[in-house]
C-alpha atoms as a PDB file:
ATOM      1  CA  MET A   1      54.731-125.586 133.752  1.00  0.00           C
ATOM      2  CA  ALA A   2      54.574-122.803 136.303  1.00  0.00           C
ATOM      3  CA  PRO A   3      55.507-119.301 135.119  1.00  0.00           C
ATOM      4  CA  VAL A   4      58.862-117.863 136.056  1.00  0.00           C
ATOM      5  CA  LEU A   5      58.632-114.552 137.874  1.00  0.00           C
ATOM      6  CA  ALA A   6      61.629-112.250 137.828  1.00  0.00           C
ATOM      7  CA  ALA A   7      62.510-108.641 138.442  1.00  0.00           C
ATOM      8  CA  GLY A   8      63.962-106.663 135.582  1.00  0.00           C
ATOM      9  CA  ARG A   9      65.403-103.372 134.455  1.00  0.00           C
ATOM     10  CA  ARG A  10      64.606-101.211 131.505  1.00  0.00           C
ATOM     11  CA  ARG A  11      66.589-101.569 128.319  1.00  0.00           C
ATOM     12  CA  ALA A  12      66.775 -99.548 125.121  1.00  0.00           C
ATOM     13  CA  PRO A  13      63.535 -99.390 123.082  1.00  0.00           C
ATOM     14  CA  LEU A  14      63.031-102.116 120.494  1.00  0.00           C
ATOM     15  CA  GLY A  15      60.355-100.394 118.427  1.00  0.00           C
ATOM     16  CA  ALA A  16      59.112-102.629 115.633  1.00  0.00           C
ATOM     17  CA  LYS A  17      58.276 -99.716 113.339  1.00  0.00           C
ATOM     18  CA  ASN A  18      61.922 -99.195 112.441  1.00  0.00           C
ATOM     19  CA  LEU A  19      63.194-102.736 112.685  1.00  0.00           C
ATOM     20  CA  PRO A  20      63.390-103.839 109.052  1.00  0.00           C
ATOM     21  CA  ALA A  21      65.361-100.753 108.011  1.00  0.00           C
ATOM     22  CA  GLN A  22      67.219-100.102 111.255  1.00  0.00           C
ATOM     23  CA  ALA A  23      67.824-103.513 112.718  1.00  0.00           C
ATOM     24  CA  GLY A  24      71.394-102.634 113.612  1.00  0.00           C
ATOM     25  CA  ARG A  25      74.388-102.113 111.391  1.00  0.00           C
ATOM     26  CA  ASP A  26      76.009-105.104 109.736  1.00  0.00           C
ATOM     27  CA  SER A  27      79.162-105.884 111.677  1.00  0.00           C
ATOM     28  CA  GLY A  28      80.655-107.773 108.743  1.00  0.00           C
ATOM     29  CA  GLN A  29      82.110-110.320 111.162  1.00  0.00           C
ATOM     30  CA  GLY A  30      80.155-113.284 109.810  1.00  0.00           C
ATOM     31  CA  ILE A  31      79.211-116.022 112.217  1.00  0.00           C
ATOM     32  CA  ASN A  32      80.477-115.681 115.748  1.00  0.00           C
ATOM     33  CA  SER A  33      82.456-118.834 116.450  1.00  0.00           C
ATOM     34  CA  ALA A  34      81.719-118.763 120.166  1.00  0.00           C
ATOM     35  CA  LYS A  35      79.131-121.152 121.542  1.00  0.00           C
ATOM     36  CA  ARG A  36      76.415-119.458 123.565  1.00  0.00           C
ATOM     37  CA  ARG A  37      74.250-120.975 126.257  1.00  0.00           C
ATOM     38  CA  ALA A  38      70.999-119.353 127.226  1.00  0.00           C
ATOM     39  CA  PRO A  39      68.364-120.143 129.860  1.00  0.00           C
ATOM     40  CA  MET A  40      64.819-120.691 128.703  1.00  0.00           C
ATOM     41  CA  SER A  41      61.416-119.906 130.124  1.00  0.00           C
ATOM     42  CA  SER A  42      58.013-120.565 128.643  1.00  0.00           C
ATOM     43  CA  THR A  43      54.659-119.084 129.612  1.00  0.00           C
ATOM     44  CA  ALA A  44      56.575-116.668 131.821  1.00  0.00           C
ATOM     45  CA  MET A  45      55.026-113.511 133.211  1.00  0.00           C
ATOM     46  CA  LEU A  46      58.069-111.343 133.876  1.00  0.00           C
ATOM     47  CA  LEU A  47      57.916-108.705 136.560  1.00  0.00           C
ATOM     48  CA  THR A  48      59.470-105.446 135.482  1.00  0.00           C
ATOM     49  CA  SER A  49      60.623-102.437 137.479  1.00  0.00           C
ATOM     50  CA  TYR A  50      59.457 -99.892 134.927  1.00  0.00           C
ATOM     51  CA  SER A  51      56.112 -98.580 133.769  1.00  0.00           C
ATOM     52  CA  ALA A  52      54.136 -97.809 130.658  1.00  0.00           C
ATOM     53  CA  ALA A  53      55.500 -95.410 128.070  1.00  0.00           C
ATOM     54  CA  PRO A  54      53.729 -92.044 127.853  1.00  0.00           C
ATOM     55  CA  GLY A  55      50.381 -92.395 126.130  1.00  0.00           C
ATOM     56  CA  ARG A  56      50.332 -96.186 126.377  1.00  0.00           C
ATOM     57  CA  GLU A  57      47.524 -98.063 128.099  1.00  0.00           C
ATOM     58  CA  CYS A  58      46.124-101.567 127.965  1.00  0.00           C
ATOM     59  CA  GLY A  59      42.658-100.411 126.930  1.00  0.00           C
ATOM     60  CA  ALA A  60      40.700-103.404 125.644  1.00  0.00           C
ATOM     61  CA  CYS A  61      43.801-105.612 125.343  1.00  0.00           C
ATOM     62  CA  THR A  62      43.737-108.534 127.764  1.00  0.00           C
ATOM     63  CA  LEU A  63      45.862-111.141 125.967  1.00  0.00           C
ATOM     64  CA  CYS A  64      48.368-111.434 128.828  1.00  0.00           C
ATOM     65  CA  CYS A  65      45.427-112.666 130.901  1.00  0.00           C
ATOM     66  CA  LYS A  66      45.210-115.653 128.558  1.00  0.00           C
ATOM     67  CA  VAL A  67      48.697-116.667 127.454  1.00  0.00           C
ATOM     68  CA  TYR A  68      50.471-116.659 130.832  1.00  0.00           C
ATOM     69  CA  GLY A  69      49.986-118.938 133.813  1.00  0.00           C
ATOM     70  CA  LEU A  70      49.330-117.512 137.255  1.00  0.00           C
ATOM     71  CA  PRO A  71      49.737-120.022 140.128  1.00  0.00           C
ATOM     72  CA  GLU A  72      48.382-117.555 142.686  1.00  0.00           C
ATOM     73  CA  LEU A  73      44.987-117.869 140.991  1.00  0.00           C
ATOM     74  CA  ALA A  74      45.454-121.512 139.921  1.00  0.00           C
ATOM     75  CA  LYS A  75      45.386-120.278 136.326  1.00  0.00           C
ATOM     76  CA  ALA A  76      46.981-122.411 133.624  1.00  0.00           C
ATOM     77  CA  PRO A  77      48.714-120.812 130.622  1.00  0.00           C
ATOM     78  CA  GLY A  78      46.740-120.586 127.392  1.00  0.00           C
ATOM     79  CA  VAL A  79      43.306-120.168 128.949  1.00  0.00           C
ATOM     80  CA  TRP A  80      41.484-117.047 130.032  1.00  0.00           C
ATOM     81  CA  CYS A  81      41.796-116.004 133.644  1.00  0.00           C
ATOM     82  CA  LYS A  82      38.514-116.402 135.495  1.00  0.00           C
ATOM     83  CA  HIS A  83      38.730-112.750 136.518  1.00  0.00           C
ATOM     84  CA  CYS A  84      39.203-111.481 132.963  1.00  0.00           C
ATOM     85  CA  ALA A  85      36.453-110.101 130.786  1.00  0.00           C
ATOM     86  CA  PRO A  86      38.083-110.557 127.348  1.00  0.00           C
ATOM     87  CA  GLY A  87      38.193-107.310 125.421  1.00  0.00           C
ATOM     88  CA  LYS A  88      37.201-105.329 128.500  1.00  0.00           C
ATOM     89  CA  GLY A  89      39.655-105.929 131.304  1.00  0.00           C
ATOM     90  CA  CYS A  90      40.143-107.376 134.746  1.00  0.00           C
ATOM     91  CA  THR A  91      37.138-107.689 137.027  1.00  0.00           C
ATOM     92  CA  ILE A  92      39.400-107.396 140.090  1.00  0.00           C
ATOM     93  CA  HIS A  93      41.397-104.505 138.660  1.00  0.00           C
ATOM     94  CA  GLU A  94      41.407-102.676 141.993  1.00  0.00           C
ATOM     95  CA  ALA A  95      43.124-105.573 143.760  1.00  0.00           C
ATOM     96  CA  PRO A  96      44.930-107.802 141.234  1.00  0.00           C
ATOM     97  CA  PRO A  97      47.774-110.180 142.104  1.00  0.00           C
ATOM     98  CA  ASP A  98      51.134-108.444 142.321  1.00  0.00           C
ATOM     99  CA  GLN A  99      52.369-110.263 139.208  1.00  0.00           C
ATOM    100  CA  CYS A 100      49.547-108.754 137.159  1.00  0.00           C
ATOM    101  CA  ARG A 101      49.871-105.298 138.642  1.00  0.00           C
ATOM    102  CA  ARG A 102      53.586-105.062 137.870  1.00  0.00           C
ATOM    103  CA  PHE A 103      53.640-106.722 134.456  1.00  0.00           C
ATOM    104  CA  PHE A 104      54.081-104.579 131.352  1.00  0.00           C
ATOM    105  CA  CYS A 105      54.573-106.075 127.904  1.00  0.00           C
ATOM    106  CA  LEU A 106      57.093-104.676 125.445  1.00  0.00           C
ATOM    107  CA  TRP A 107      54.409-102.801 123.508  1.00  0.00           C
ATOM    108  CA  MET A 108      53.386-100.987 126.690  1.00  0.00           C
ATOM    109  CA  THR A 109      56.917 -99.948 127.643  1.00  0.00           C
ATOM    110  CA  ASP A 110      58.271 -99.112 124.186  1.00  0.00           C
ATOM    111  CA  GLY A 111      56.444 -96.104 122.807  1.00  0.00           C
ATOM    112  CA  THR A 112      57.999 -96.555 119.338  1.00  0.00           C
ATOM    113  CA  MET A 113      56.174 -99.803 118.577  1.00  0.00           C
ATOM    114  CA  PRO A 114      53.254 -99.150 116.221  1.00  0.00           C
ATOM    115  CA  ALA A 115      49.625 -99.930 116.946  1.00  0.00           C
ATOM    116  CA  GLU A 116      49.551-103.207 115.028  1.00  0.00           C
ATOM    117  CA  TRP A 117      52.056-104.681 117.495  1.00  0.00           C
ATOM    118  CA  LYS A 118      49.664-104.287 120.404  1.00  0.00           C
ATOM    119  CA  PRO A 119      49.034-107.852 121.635  1.00  0.00           C
ATOM    120  CA  ASP A 120      45.291-107.933 120.981  1.00  0.00           C
ATOM    121  CA  ARG A 121      46.020-107.179 117.307  1.00  0.00           C
ATOM    122  CA  ALA A 122      49.281-109.110 116.901  1.00  0.00           C
ATOM    123  CA  ARG A 123      47.937-112.121 118.844  1.00  0.00           C
ATOM    124  CA  PHE A 124      51.166-112.525 120.802  1.00  0.00           C
ATOM    125  CA  VAL A 125      52.755-110.814 123.797  1.00  0.00           C
ATOM    126  CA  LEU A 126      56.411-109.737 123.732  1.00  0.00           C
ATOM    127  CA  SER A 127      58.451-109.158 126.879  1.00  0.00           C
ATOM    128  CA  ILE A 128      62.121-108.805 127.789  1.00  0.00           C
ATOM    129  CA  TYR A 129      63.566-111.522 130.009  1.00  0.00           C
ATOM    130  CA  PRO A 130      65.437-109.552 132.680  1.00  0.00           C
ATOM    131  CA  THR A 131      68.383-111.858 133.307  1.00  0.00           C
ATOM    132  CA  ASN A 132      69.602-112.079 129.697  1.00  0.00           C
ATOM    133  CA  GLY A 133      67.768-109.349 127.788  1.00  0.00           C
ATOM    134  CA  PHE A 134      66.227-111.857 125.379  1.00  0.00           C
ATOM    135  CA  VAL A 135      62.883-110.973 123.811  1.00  0.00           C
ATOM    136  CA  TYR A 136      60.332-113.700 124.487  1.00  0.00           C
ATOM    137  CA  GLY A 137      57.024-113.861 122.666  1.00  0.00           C
ATOM    138  CA  GLN A 138      54.086-115.848 123.992  1.00  0.00           C
ATOM    139  CA  VAL A 139      51.642-116.584 121.182  1.00  0.00           C
ATOM    140  CA  ASP A 140      47.887-116.898 121.558  1.00  0.00           C
ATOM    141  CA  PRO A 141      47.242-120.657 121.211  1.00  0.00           C
ATOM    142  CA  GLY A 142      44.108-119.750 119.265  1.00  0.00           C
ATOM    143  CA  ALA A 143      46.314-118.209 116.539  1.00  0.00           C
ATOM    144  CA  PRO A 144      49.598-120.164 116.674  1.00  0.00           C
ATOM    145  CA  GLY A 145      50.846-118.864 113.330  1.00  0.00           C
ATOM    146  CA  ALA A 146      50.113-115.197 113.995  1.00  0.00           C
ATOM    147  CA  TRP A 147      53.742-114.239 114.511  1.00  0.00           C
ATOM    148  CA  ARG A 148      54.686-115.540 111.061  1.00  0.00           C
ATOM    149  CA  ARG A 149      52.308-113.143 109.288  1.00  0.00           C
ATOM    150  CA  ALA A 150      53.213-109.737 107.874  1.00  0.00           C
ATOM    151  CA  PRO A 151      54.368-107.373 109.228  1.00  0.00           C
ATOM    152  CA  TYR A 152      55.378-109.355 112.302  1.00  0.00           C
ATOM    153  CA  PHE A 153      57.683-111.987 110.833  1.00  0.00           C
ATOM    154  CA  ASP A 154      59.904-109.468 109.072  1.00  0.00           C
ATOM    155  CA  GLY A 155      59.850-107.249 112.146  1.00  0.00           C
ATOM    156  CA  LEU A 156      60.902-110.089 114.440  1.00  0.00           C
ATOM    157  CA  ARG A 157      63.717-111.087 112.089  1.00  0.00           C
ATOM    158  CA  GLY A 158      64.885-107.487 111.991  1.00  0.00           C
ATOM    159  CA  MET A 159      64.811-107.395 115.771  1.00  0.00           C
ATOM    160  CA  ALA A 160      66.784-110.653 115.855  1.00  0.00           C
ATOM    161  CA  LYS A 161      69.440-109.151 113.595  1.00  0.00           C
ATOM    162  CA  ARG A 162      69.981-106.183 115.856  1.00  0.00           C
ATOM    163  CA  LEU A 163      69.975-108.226 119.053  1.00  0.00           C
ATOM    164  CA  LEU A 164      72.385-110.816 117.639  1.00  0.00           C
ATOM    165  CA  GLU A 165      75.184-108.252 117.766  1.00  0.00           C
ATOM    166  CA  GLN A 166      74.470-107.936 121.495  1.00  0.00           C
ATOM    167  CA  LYS A 167      74.356-111.733 121.957  1.00  0.00           C
ATOM    168  CA  ARG A 168      70.643-111.522 122.639  1.00  0.00           C
ATOM    169  CA  HIS A 169      67.893-113.412 120.873  1.00  0.00           C
ATOM    170  CA  VAL A 170      64.213-113.498 119.977  1.00  0.00           C
ATOM    171  CA  ILE A 171      62.332-116.634 120.983  1.00  0.00           C
ATOM    172  CA  MET A 172      58.665-117.258 120.237  1.00  0.00           C
ATOM    173  CA  PHE A 173      56.595-119.703 122.281  1.00  0.00           C
ATOM    174  CA  VAL A 174      53.371-121.458 121.361  1.00  0.00           C
ATOM    175  CA  GLY A 175      52.569-123.121 124.642  1.00  0.00           C
ATOM    176  CA  ASP A 176      55.898-124.651 125.659  1.00  0.00           C
ATOM    177  CA  GLN A 177      57.085-125.115 122.053  1.00  0.00           C
ATOM    178  CA  ALA A 178      59.909-122.656 121.419  1.00  0.00           C
ATOM    179  CA  THR A 179      61.243-121.287 118.131  1.00  0.00           C
ATOM    180  CA  LEU A 180      64.438-119.266 117.899  1.00  0.00           C
ATOM    181  CA  VAL A 181      64.088-116.418 115.402  1.00  0.00           C
ATOM    182  CA  MET A 182      67.287-115.567 113.535  1.00  0.00           C
ATOM    183  CA  PRO A 183      67.779-112.863 110.899  1.00  0.00           C
ATOM    184  CA  GLU A 184      67.542-115.301 107.974  1.00  0.00           C
ATOM    185  CA  GLU A 185      65.872-118.380 109.448  1.00  0.00           C
ATOM    186  CA  THR A 186      63.969-119.893 112.347  1.00  0.00           C
ATOM    187  CA  LEU A 187      65.161-122.834 114.433  1.00  0.00           C
ATOM    188  CA  SER A 188      62.819-125.095 116.374  1.00  0.00           C
ATOM    189  CA  LEU A 189      63.923-125.669 119.969  1.00  0.00           C
ATOM    190  CA  GLY A 190      61.070-128.007 120.837  1.00  0.00           C
ATOM    191  CA  ALA A 191      59.423-128.071 124.255  1.00  0.00           C
ATOM    192  CA  MET A 192      61.305-125.868 126.721  1.00  0.00           C
ATOM    193  CA  THR A 193      60.859-125.263 130.441  1.00  0.00           C
ATOM    194  CA  ALA A 194      62.349-122.759 132.860  1.00  0.00           C
ATOM    195  CA  ASN A 195      65.029-125.299 133.754  1.00  0.00           C
ATOM    196  CA  ASP A 196      66.184-125.915 130.181  1.00  0.00           C
ATOM    197  CA  ASN A 197      69.062-124.288 128.338  1.00  0.00           C
ATOM    198  CA  PHE A 198      70.034-124.234 124.703  1.00  0.00           C
ATOM    199  CA  ARG A 199      73.350-123.815 122.944  1.00  0.00           C
ATOM    200  CA  ILE A 200      73.771-121.764 119.765  1.00  0.00           C
ATOM    201  CA  GLU A 201      76.734-122.462 117.537  1.00  0.00           C
ATOM    202  CA  PRO A 202      77.716-121.814 113.915  1.00  0.00           C
ATOM    203  CA  ALA A 203      77.128-124.455 111.288  1.00  0.00           C
ATOM    204  CA  PHE A 204      77.425-124.829 107.534  1.00  0.00           C
ATOM    205  CA  GLY A 205      74.373-125.933 105.613  1.00  0.00           C
ATOM    206  CA  PRO A 206      73.488-126.545 101.956  1.00  0.00           C
ATOM    207  CA  ASN A 207      73.042-122.822 101.405  1.00  0.00           C
ATOM    208  CA  GLY A 208      76.134-121.716 103.296  1.00  0.00           C
ATOM    209  CA  PRO A 209      76.751-120.443 106.844  1.00  0.00           C
ATOM    210  CA  THR A 210      73.893-120.962 109.274  1.00  0.00           C
ATOM    211  CA  TRP A 211      73.250-121.656 112.954  1.00  0.00           C
ATOM    212  CA  ARG A 212      72.523-124.748 114.990  1.00  0.00           C
ATOM    213  CA  ALA A 213      70.533-124.581 118.234  1.00  0.00           C
ATOM    214  CA  THR A 214      70.714-127.537 120.600  1.00  0.00           C
ATOM    215  CA  LYS A 215      68.752-128.102 123.773  1.00  0.00           C
ATOM    216  CA  ILE A 216      71.062-129.032 126.665  1.00  0.00           C
END
């Protein structure tokens, strides 16, 4: 599917370094009984109105040039852009498409995220979806399980715990296959497009309170 391009605004840092220990205080309220609907977007390059954090630069990282689609250049998601020299950078860096010029991943904009969360090391790109503040991760199709490795899986679950109190979520994409990351579990959402929504509601499973996510 074609990427979704959207303007955004800066939000509070979500540095992964502190997530497991400081994922947000426990509200003690248990499961929120309200149903929540949320729009989805896969392979989305999100335009942001802010810039890189001090001291941050792409350097040799070019993963966004692979995982996202770019219709302006007839580039499909999951394959390298024809103008990218992997591990080096863009060969049309002086005149890139506007989407590329204005895109900054979460690692670039949040100076508290440690080096191992840089996309070329993590093998996925995190960004904040402007309209709902969700954190979306687009995973390198060459390493689809990268986000489940240490330290990333625990960090993403810690992030999910903090965001849950704000009715925001962490969703990881491998191609168009989406997985909702919750503090204690992951829920498969299946193939999702920019036009799809999902509903999150409380449920009770064999091990006690849990969540149910349904595509609508």
